């Protein structure tokens, strides 16, 4: 019998934060992408929870968490995850992030290296400017009106996308999963507070030219922490070439490209995703952070030659 998934709420800084908790053992924090919620991990939680304490939150502005008028920057999201883990009395975790959640995971590891044991990125943001035209267009002036109009018909669109997905999976069509997830994301924006939070989040990391926030200038720091990168080879939102960027900049990273998957490889191939993640967890040791080694890392040039460190 799989471990029981429990939906919980904690109030942090006056705002409700919803999350799913399941299993026991070392902590595994699962961060979803923009417009999604913790249910995006539903197909993998049970198996992961057999050996780990899985925490899958609805990010602020998403799902059943509050959607205040506030700070939706990547740094603020990372702070929120640090504080949620603290409230739950979890000192350290392996952080798994999909899309926007990948950018948050990278920021979490950068801001709180002593709290991050391992890092797993899934179709992650923050690794290059390239991004789908639809998300870039949503940052333009007047996009609020378009998004509002689309959410007005999101119910029929969602049902239509779900039907296409069922037929497509039976017929072996590719990318139908991405279409269904787009419908779910649009449905999630039916409330005005959710739409405002979505646009504030998106505009904090994206402009008309693509992703504006990058971790590439600090990616060398990832050599100090075990890193897994999973990408869908057919990703229509964030191109799989970003996985090659990580492979080049972080030689120690394990990179897995699921050639038949789209932007949600953990939904397209949940069994393979769990196999890869669990093997990564079993074959790597948690990062051991200390201030001296962190200082030496920060003192390196891009070519890896250490600079003198002032004592």
Foldseek 3Di string as FASTA:
>chain_A
DFWDWDWDWDQDPNWIKIKIWTAADAEEEEEEAFLAAQCLLVLFVRVVRPHHTYIGIGFALFDPIDQDPDDQALLVSLVVVCVVCVVVVQQAYAYEAAASGLSSQLNNCVVCVQRHFAYEYELYPQLDFDFAQVLQVCQDPPNLVVLQVCLVCLVVQLVVLVVCLVVCVVVVHAPSVVSNVVSSSSPRPNDPSSSVSSNSNSNNQHHNRGGPHHCLVVLLVCLQHAYEYEYECAANTRHPVSLVVSCVQRVRYHYYYNDRHYSSVCVVPVVVVNVVVVVSVVPDGTGDDDDVVVQQSVQADSVRHGDDDDD
